[in-house]
Amino acid sequence: MKILVLIFVALLVTGLSAWLAQTQGGEVIVHIADLTVHTSLLMALLIGTGIMLGLFVLIWLLARTLETPQRLRKRHRNRRLERANDLLAKGLRNMLENRLDVARQNLEQAAKTEPKQSLFRLLAASVCVQSNDRDAWSEHLRAIADSDYQAASSWLKADGLVAAEEWEEALAVLQVLASDNPNHPRILRHLARCYRELNSWERLFELGRDQSRHSNLPQDEARQWLRDAARRLCEDTADTELKALWPKLGDARDDPEVLRSYAERLRYYGQTHPELEPHLCKLLDADLDDAAIELYGTLPGPASPDMIVRIRKWLKQDPERASLKRALARLHSRLGQHREAQEQLEALEKQGGDALLYRELAETLERMGQGEAAQAYYRKGLQSLTRTP
């Protein structure tokens, strides 16, 4: 198409030139300085067309010659990009196949081949994070200047700092990320780990308490944070501050394991709390949880007959509940009602004994002065331990 256009233009120009030149007897007379040329109109058209085509070809060749360096650079750039893409594909495959050393070599070569490609740097940094090579991933992340990749860089930096156990730096980066993604599971897990390592139990407690109200994480995971933090808070609380800790526990007091940690600390200092037993009763009225039942039978402070009445009320709801029978036996024992405790424990033994049950039975019989029978249950307890896989 371009050649046809050139021929058309050449013919048009030649025709106009011939039309404007002198003509005589069918000839075209052209004066060039002292030279006079006589030729036919057809020959003039052919010569003019040839000259115009030659000029166009000369200009085209000159343009192609001037474009040669740019074409060579483009070809070199395309080849370099193809090589980088091939290395990227190999690196991703090796990374997915968990061949991290080979993947790192591929991706770092791709990053060197195309140093301005932030994606290559980011992927190379990701492999270095998995290899826990802080110097390497730090270098790759510093080389990323594209603002579109800064968020991804921050995520990788947080992962790398956690892997390197640089808890304070990791926490600073995570707090920035959390401002934009406050409920992202990955950030929450990293924050929980940082709080643990830095002994920031109050922060871990707040994190677990907040997440137990949401569905961003499995509830068991958030509750475990809450329980661990509550246990450490109780352990770190002095006896004079234990009562002040009770309201700070807030909704976490609905978790029997949190209450257990608080009760154990009260027992350690020989203290009681007037709200502990009523709060636990309220929980048990709503749900007969085995952990809460076990705690009820071992609450710090003296047992009372009212506690026996409550246990019997719950037993009417679930007469075969082993945890209720065991709690009732413990309360009877604490009140000095050893015969009643023995009855409950022997009823439990018929359902299936364990080492703890045999020990409690032996201790109860010892208090009743039945030493030989107690020894028999101690032996049963030891035998049950040896049978435990």
Protein backbone atom coordinates (compact mmCIF):
# COMPACT_ATOMS: atom_id res chain seq x y z
CA MET A 1 0.00 0.00 0.00
CA LYS A 2 2.83 2.44 0.87
CA ILE A 3 4.59 1.68 -2.47
CA LEU A 4 1.36 2.35 -4.41
CA VAL A 5 0.96 5.68 -2.64
CA LEU A 6 4.58 6.60 -3.44
CA ILE A 7 4.12 5.72 -7.12
CA PHE A 8 0.94 7.78 -7.27
CA VAL A 9 2.65 10.78 -5.70
CA ALA A 10 5.68 10.41 -8.03
CA LEU A 11 3.46 10.27 -11.10
CA LEU A 12 1.49 13.27 -9.92
CA VAL A 13 4.60 15.34 -9.27
CA THR A 14 6.20 14.29 -12.56
CA GLY A 15 3.05 15.05 -14.49
CA LEU A 16 2.81 18.51 -12.98
CA SER A 17 6.49 19.13 -13.73
CA ALA A 18 6.05 18.05 -17.34
CA TRP A 19 2.93 20.18 -17.70
CA LEU A 20 4.78 23.22 -16.45
CA ALA A 21 7.86 22.57 -18.69
CA GLN A 22 8.08 23.72 -22.34
CA THR A 23 6.55 21.39 -24.90
CA GLN A 24 7.02 21.47 -28.69
CA GLY A 25 5.90 18.93 -31.26
CA GLY A 26 5.12 16.34 -28.62
CA GLU A 27 8.51 16.81 -27.01
CA VAL A 28 9.39 18.17 -23.62
CA ILE A 29 12.20 20.71 -23.60
CA VAL A 30 13.93 21.29 -20.31
CA HIS A 31 16.64 23.89 -19.83
CA ILE A 32 19.13 23.13 -17.02
CA ALA A 33 21.72 25.96 -16.97
CA ASP A 34 23.48 25.76 -20.36
CA LEU A 35 22.13 22.28 -20.99
CA THR A 36 18.95 21.79 -23.01
CA VAL A 37 17.23 18.39 -22.89
CA HIS A 38 14.74 17.22 -25.53
CA THR A 39 12.69 14.17 -24.68
CA SER A 40 9.28 12.71 -25.23
CA LEU A 41 6.49 13.24 -22.75
CA LEU A 42 6.40 9.52 -21.89
CA MET A 43 10.12 9.38 -21.25
CA ALA A 44 9.90 12.52 -19.14
CA LEU A 45 7.21 10.90 -17.04
CA LEU A 46 9.27 7.72 -16.59
CA ILE A 47 12.44 9.63 -15.72
CA GLY A 48 10.57 11.86 -13.29
CA THR A 49 8.89 8.90 -11.69
CA GLY A 50 12.25 7.13 -11.31
CA ILE A 51 13.84 10.21 -9.77
CA MET A 52 11.00 10.67 -7.31
CA LEU A 53 11.02 6.98 -6.34
CA GLY A 54 14.76 7.13 -5.92
CA LEU A 55 14.43 10.13 -3.64
CA PHE A 56 11.79 8.39 -1.58
CA VAL A 57 13.90 5.21 -1.32
CA LEU A 58 16.94 7.28 -0.33
CA ILE A 59 14.95 9.08 2.36
CA TRP A 60 13.53 5.74 3.60
CA LEU A 61 16.99 4.16 3.80
CA LEU A 62 18.30 7.18 5.64
CA ALA A 63 15.42 7.04 8.13
CA ARG A 64 15.97 3.31 8.68
CA THR A 65 19.67 3.95 9.26
CA LEU A 66 18.90 6.61 11.84
CA GLU A 67 16.42 4.26 13.57
CA THR A 68 18.88 1.37 13.74
CA PRO A 69 20.27 2.13 17.26
CA GLN A 70 16.77 2.50 18.65
CA ARG A 71 15.69 -0.76 17.00
CA LEU A 72 18.70 -2.55 18.41
CA ARG A 73 17.98 -1.18 21.88
CA LYS A 74 14.35 -2.27 21.62
CA ARG A 75 15.37 -5.76 20.47
CA HIS A 76 17.86 -6.02 23.33
CA ARG A 77 15.23 -4.82 25.81
CA ASN A 78 12.69 -7.35 24.54
CA ARG A 79 15.21 -10.18 24.81
CA ARG A 80 16.16 -9.07 28.31
CA LEU A 81 12.50 -8.93 29.31
CA GLU A 82 11.88 -12.41 27.86
CA ARG A 83 14.83 -13.76 29.85
CA ALA A 84 13.57 -12.05 33.01
CA ASN A 85 10.08 -13.46 32.50
CA ASP A 86 11.52 -16.93 31.97
CA LEU A 87 13.51 -16.62 35.22
CA LEU A 88 10.38 -15.35 36.96
CA ALA A 89 8.37 -18.38 35.83
CA LYS A 90 11.11 -20.76 37.00
CA GLY A 91 11.43 -18.93 40.31
CA LEU A 92 7.69 -19.07 41.02
CA ARG A 93 7.57 -22.77 40.16
CA ASN A 94 10.53 -23.54 42.42
CA MET A 95 9.03 -21.44 45.20
CA LEU A 96 5.74 -23.33 45.00
CA GLU A 97 7.70 -26.60 45.05
CA ASN A 98 9.50 -25.36 48.18
CA ARG A 99 12.93 -25.29 46.53
CA LEU A 100 13.76 -21.99 48.11
CA ASP A 101 17.46 -21.83 47.28
CA VAL A 102 16.87 -22.37 43.56
CA ALA A 103 13.84 -20.05 43.59
CA ARG A 104 15.94 -17.34 45.24
CA GLN A 105 18.63 -17.63 42.55
CA ASN A 106 16.04 -17.41 39.76
CA LEU A 107 14.22 -14.42 41.20
CA GLU A 108 17.37 -12.51 42.11
CA GLN A 109 18.70 -13.03 38.57
CA ALA A 110 15.37 -11.77 37.23
CA ALA A 111 15.66 -8.71 39.48
CA LYS A 112 19.21 -8.04 38.24
CA THR A 113 18.10 -8.48 34.63
CA GLU A 114 15.21 -6.04 35.07
CA PRO A 115 16.24 -3.86 38.06
CA LYS A 116 13.38 -1.41 37.49
CA GLN A 117 10.71 -4.11 37.76
CA SER A 118 9.50 -3.78 41.36
CA LEU A 119 7.58 -7.05 41.13
CA PHE A 120 10.79 -9.03 40.64
CA ARG A 121 12.35 -7.33 43.66
CA LEU A 122 9.27 -8.02 45.72
CA LEU A 123 9.22 -11.72 44.87
CA ALA A 124 12.94 -12.06 45.52
CA ALA A 125 12.42 -10.41 48.91
CA SER A 126 9.57 -12.84 49.64
CA VAL A 127 11.84 -15.86 49.12
CA CYS A 128 14.56 -14.26 51.24
CA VAL A 129 12.01 -13.74 54.01
CA GLN A 130 11.17 -17.44 53.90
CA SER A 131 14.90 -18.18 54.12
CA ASN A 132 15.19 -15.72 57.02
CA ASP A 133 17.99 -13.75 55.34
CA ARG A 134 17.35 -10.28 56.68
CA ASP A 135 20.17 -8.51 54.84
CA ALA A 136 19.00 -9.87 51.50
CA TRP A 137 15.30 -9.04 51.84
CA SER A 138 16.11 -5.63 53.29
CA GLU A 139 18.24 -4.83 50.26
CA HIS A 140 15.51 -5.89 47.85
CA LEU A 141 12.83 -3.89 49.64
CA ARG A 142 14.99 -0.76 49.76
CA ALA A 143 15.40 -0.99 45.99
CA ILE A 144 11.63 -0.76 45.42
CA ALA A 145 10.75 2.83 44.56
CA ASP A 146 7.32 2.28 42.98
CA SER A 147 4.66 3.68 45.31
CA ASP A 148 2.18 1.02 44.15
CA TYR A 149 4.34 -1.64 45.82
CA GLN A 150 4.96 0.10 49.15
CA ALA A 151 2.06 -1.61 50.93
CA ALA A 152 3.25 -5.04 49.79
CA SER A 153 6.76 -4.10 50.90
CA SER A 154 5.47 -3.26 54.37
CA TRP A 155 3.71 -6.63 54.61
CA LEU A 156 6.90 -8.46 53.65
CA LYS A 157 8.95 -6.33 56.03
CA ALA A 158 6.65 -7.28 58.89
CA ASP A 159 6.94 -10.98 57.99
CA GLY A 160 10.72 -10.70 57.81
CA LEU A 161 11.06 -8.91 61.13
CA VAL A 162 8.87 -11.47 62.86
CA ALA A 163 10.92 -14.30 61.32
CA ALA A 164 14.10 -12.54 62.49
CA GLU A 165 12.57 -12.12 65.98
CA GLU A 166 13.01 -8.35 65.87
CA TRP A 167 9.89 -7.87 67.92
CA GLU A 168 9.97 -4.12 68.59
CA GLU A 169 10.62 -3.22 64.94
CA ALA A 170 8.01 -5.71 63.80
CA LEU A 171 5.46 -4.24 66.21
CA ALA A 172 6.08 -0.73 64.83
CA VAL A 173 5.49 -1.91 61.24
CA LEU A 174 2.44 -3.97 62.23
CA GLN A 175 0.82 -1.04 64.00
CA VAL A 176 1.05 0.96 60.77
CA LEU A 177 -0.46 -1.91 58.79
CA ALA A 178 -3.17 -2.39 61.42
CA SER A 179 -4.28 1.22 60.96
CA ASP A 180 -5.47 0.26 57.44
CA ASN A 181 -6.32 -3.41 58.09
CA PRO A 182 -7.28 -3.64 61.77
CA ASN A 183 -8.93 -7.06 61.52
CA HIS A 184 -6.68 -8.88 59.06
CA PRO A 185 -5.87 -12.36 60.49
CA ARG A 186 -2.24 -12.22 59.40
CA ILE A 187 -1.67 -8.92 61.19
CA LEU A 188 -3.56 -10.08 64.27
CA ARG A 189 -1.47 -13.25 64.58
CA HIS A 190 1.77 -11.30 64.19
CA LEU A 191 0.61 -8.77 66.78
CA ALA A 192 -0.26 -11.54 69.23
CA ARG A 193 3.17 -13.09 68.80
CA CYS A 194 4.91 -9.74 69.30
CA TYR A 195 2.90 -9.07 72.46
CA ARG A 196 3.84 -12.49 73.81
CA GLU A 197 7.53 -12.06 73.12
CA LEU A 198 7.56 -8.54 74.56
CA ASN A 199 5.52 -9.64 77.62
CA SER A 200 2.83 -7.08 76.76
CA TRP A 201 0.13 -9.11 78.43
CA GLU A 202 -2.34 -6.26 78.78
CA ARG A 203 -2.20 -5.66 75.02
CA LEU A 204 -2.56 -9.36 74.28
CA PHE A 205 -5.51 -9.50 76.68
CA GLU A 206 -7.20 -6.58 74.89
CA LEU A 207 -6.49 -8.18 71.52
CA GLY A 208 -7.96 -11.52 72.58
CA ARG A 209 -10.97 -9.86 74.19
CA ASP A 210 -11.69 -7.79 71.07
CA GLN A 211 -11.28 -10.71 68.67
CA SER A 212 -13.44 -13.04 70.74
CA ARG A 213 -16.34 -10.75 69.82
CA HIS A 214 -15.64 -10.98 66.07
CA SER A 215 -15.24 -13.72 63.48
CA ASN A 216 -11.93 -12.64 61.94
CA LEU A 217 -10.15 -15.58 63.55
CA PRO A 218 -11.16 -19.02 64.84
CA GLN A 219 -12.72 -18.41 68.23
CA ASP A 220 -10.53 -21.02 69.91
CA GLU A 221 -7.45 -19.08 68.83
CA ALA A 222 -8.70 -15.73 70.15
CA ARG A 223 -9.86 -17.34 73.41
CA GLN A 224 -6.43 -18.90 73.88
CA TRP A 225 -4.82 -15.46 73.62
CA LEU A 226 -7.31 -14.21 76.18
CA ARG A 227 -6.66 -17.09 78.57
CA ASP A 228 -2.88 -16.91 78.30
CA ALA A 229 -2.87 -13.16 78.84
CA ALA A 230 -5.30 -13.39 81.78
CA ARG A 231 -3.16 -16.07 83.43
CA ARG A 232 -0.02 -13.96 83.10
CA LEU A 233 -1.82 -10.84 84.29
CA CYS A 234 -3.01 -12.72 87.37
CA GLU A 235 0.48 -14.08 88.00
CA ASP A 236 1.99 -10.61 87.74
CA THR A 237 -0.59 -8.99 90.02
CA ALA A 238 0.30 -8.38 93.65
CA ASP A 239 -2.05 -9.45 96.43
CA THR A 240 -3.08 -5.87 97.13
CA GLU A 241 -4.13 -5.35 93.51
CA LEU A 242 -6.06 -8.57 92.92
CA LYS A 243 -9.46 -7.12 93.72
CA ALA A 244 -8.76 -4.15 91.45
CA LEU A 245 -8.00 -6.61 88.63
CA TRP A 246 -11.48 -8.17 88.79
CA PRO A 247 -13.36 -5.36 86.99
CA LYS A 248 -10.53 -5.00 84.46
CA LEU A 249 -11.16 -8.53 83.28
CA GLY A 250 -14.53 -7.37 81.96
CA ASP A 251 -16.32 -9.76 79.60
CA ALA A 252 -13.41 -12.18 79.85
CA ARG A 253 -14.83 -13.26 83.22
CA ASP A 254 -17.39 -15.28 81.25
CA ASP A 255 -14.58 -17.65 80.27
CA PRO A 256 -14.13 -20.36 82.94
CA GLU A 257 -10.42 -20.63 82.19
CA VAL A 258 -9.94 -16.92 82.92
CA LEU A 259 -11.85 -17.36 86.17
CA ARG A 260 -9.64 -20.34 86.99
CA SER A 261 -6.50 -18.22 86.65
CA TYR A 262 -8.00 -15.55 88.87
CA ALA A 263 -9.17 -18.10 91.46
CA GLU A 264 -5.74 -19.76 91.57
CA ARG A 265 -4.11 -16.42 92.28
CA LEU A 266 -6.62 -15.69 95.04
CA ARG A 267 -5.87 -19.10 96.55
CA TYR A 268 -2.11 -18.42 96.32
CA TYR A 269 -2.52 -15.33 98.48
CA GLY A 270 -5.17 -16.87 100.71
CA GLN A 271 -7.83 -14.43 99.54
CA THR A 272 -11.40 -14.63 98.30
CA HIS A 273 -13.57 -12.34 96.21
CA PRO A 274 -17.26 -11.83 97.04
CA GLU A 275 -18.31 -11.61 93.39
CA LEU A 276 -16.50 -14.71 92.14
CA GLU A 277 -18.94 -17.39 93.35
CA PRO A 278 -22.15 -15.52 92.33
CA HIS A 279 -20.68 -14.78 88.89
CA LEU A 280 -19.77 -18.44 88.40
CA CYS A 281 -23.25 -19.49 89.47
CA LYS A 282 -24.72 -17.18 86.87
CA LEU A 283 -22.58 -18.79 84.18
CA LEU A 284 -23.57 -22.27 85.27
CA ASP A 285 -27.26 -21.41 85.34
CA ALA A 286 -26.92 -20.44 81.70
CA ASP A 287 -24.67 -23.34 80.65
CA LEU A 288 -23.40 -26.36 82.60
CA ASP A 289 -19.83 -26.19 81.34
CA ASP A 290 -17.49 -28.89 82.73
CA ALA A 291 -14.61 -26.46 83.26
CA ALA A 292 -16.87 -24.09 85.19
CA ILE A 293 -18.31 -26.97 87.24
CA GLU A 294 -14.83 -28.18 88.19
CA LEU A 295 -13.87 -24.64 89.22
CA TYR A 296 -17.01 -24.35 91.35
CA GLY A 297 -15.94 -27.33 93.41
CA THR A 298 -12.50 -25.82 94.10
CA LEU A 299 -13.28 -22.13 94.63
CA PRO A 300 -10.97 -20.40 97.13
CA GLY A 301 -12.36 -19.74 100.55
CA PRO A 302 -14.63 -21.86 102.73
CA ALA A 303 -17.40 -23.95 101.18
CA SER A 304 -21.00 -23.39 102.25
CA PRO A 305 -24.15 -25.54 102.41
CA ASP A 306 -25.74 -23.23 99.83
CA MET A 307 -23.13 -24.39 97.33
CA ILE A 308 -24.23 -27.99 97.95
CA VAL A 309 -27.83 -26.97 97.28
CA ARG A 310 -26.87 -25.35 93.98
CA ILE A 311 -24.91 -28.39 92.83
CA ARG A 312 -27.87 -30.67 93.62
CA LYS A 313 -30.13 -28.34 91.64
CA TRP A 314 -27.88 -28.65 88.61
CA LEU A 315 -27.70 -32.42 89.10
CA LYS A 316 -31.47 -32.59 88.72
CA GLN A 317 -31.01 -31.06 85.25
CA ASP A 318 -28.29 -33.59 84.32
CA PRO A 319 -28.23 -36.53 86.79
CA GLU A 320 -25.42 -38.41 85.00
CA ARG A 321 -23.04 -35.47 84.74
CA ALA A 322 -19.75 -36.78 86.16
CA SER A 323 -18.27 -33.31 86.68
CA LEU A 324 -21.24 -32.32 88.87
CA LYS A 325 -20.87 -35.46 91.03
CA ARG A 326 -17.16 -34.81 91.45
CA ALA A 327 -17.76 -31.16 92.38
CA LEU A 328 -20.42 -32.25 94.88
CA ALA A 329 -18.00 -34.76 96.43
CA ARG A 330 -15.34 -32.08 96.78
CA LEU A 331 -17.73 -29.67 98.46
CA HIS A 332 -18.89 -32.39 100.89
CA SER A 333 -15.25 -33.14 101.68
CA ARG A 334 -14.44 -29.47 102.27
CA LEU A 335 -17.39 -29.26 104.66
CA GLY A 336 -16.15 -32.34 106.54
CA GLN A 337 -18.99 -34.52 105.23
CA HIS A 338 -16.66 -37.37 104.26
CA ARG A 339 -19.36 -40.09 104.14
CA GLU A 340 -21.34 -38.13 101.54
CA ALA A 341 -18.15 -37.43 99.60
CA GLN A 342 -17.33 -41.16 99.61
CA GLU A 343 -20.75 -42.01 98.21
CA GLN A 344 -20.40 -39.60 95.33
CA LEU A 345 -16.86 -40.73 94.49
CA GLU A 346 -17.77 -44.42 94.59
CA ALA A 347 -20.71 -43.71 92.28
CA LEU A 348 -18.26 -42.05 89.91
CA GLU A 349 -15.92 -45.03 90.06
CA LYS A 350 -18.70 -47.25 88.71
CA GLN A 351 -18.85 -45.00 85.65
CA GLY A 352 -15.08 -45.31 85.17
CA GLY A 353 -12.18 -44.40 87.43
CA ASP A 354 -9.04 -42.41 86.79
CA ALA A 355 -5.92 -41.64 88.81
CA LEU A 356 -7.33 -38.39 90.22
CA LEU A 357 -10.59 -40.07 91.30
CA TYR A 358 -8.70 -42.88 93.06
CA ARG A 359 -6.52 -40.35 94.85
CA GLU A 360 -9.52 -38.34 96.03
CA LEU A 361 -11.21 -41.53 97.22
CA ALA A 362 -8.07 -42.60 99.08
CA GLU A 363 -7.71 -39.17 100.73
CA THR A 364 -11.38 -39.23 101.78
CA LEU A 365 -11.02 -42.70 103.31
CA GLU A 366 -7.86 -41.60 105.13
CA ARG A 367 -9.79 -38.75 106.74
CA MET A 368 -12.39 -41.31 107.80
CA GLY A 369 -9.69 -43.46 109.40
CA GLN A 370 -9.90 -46.28 106.83
CA GLY A 371 -6.19 -46.58 106.07
CA GLU A 372 -6.20 -50.03 104.44
CA ALA A 373 -9.02 -49.15 102.07
CA ALA A 374 -7.22 -45.91 101.22
CA GLN A 375 -4.03 -47.83 100.36
CA ALA A 376 -6.00 -50.03 98.01
CA TYR A 377 -7.26 -47.00 96.10
CA TYR A 378 -3.76 -45.50 95.96
CA ARG A 379 -2.59 -48.73 94.33
CA LYS A 380 -5.45 -48.55 91.82
CA GLY A 381 -4.43 -45.01 90.99
CA LEU A 382 -0.84 -46.06 90.33
CA GLN A 383 -2.00 -48.95 88.17
CA SER A 384 -4.21 -46.62 86.15
CA LEU A 385 -1.22 -44.39 85.53
CA THR A 386 0.85 -47.28 84.19
CA ARG A 387 -2.01 -48.23 81.84
CA THR A 388 -2.20 -44.72 80.43
CA PRO A 389 -0.73 -44.71 76.88
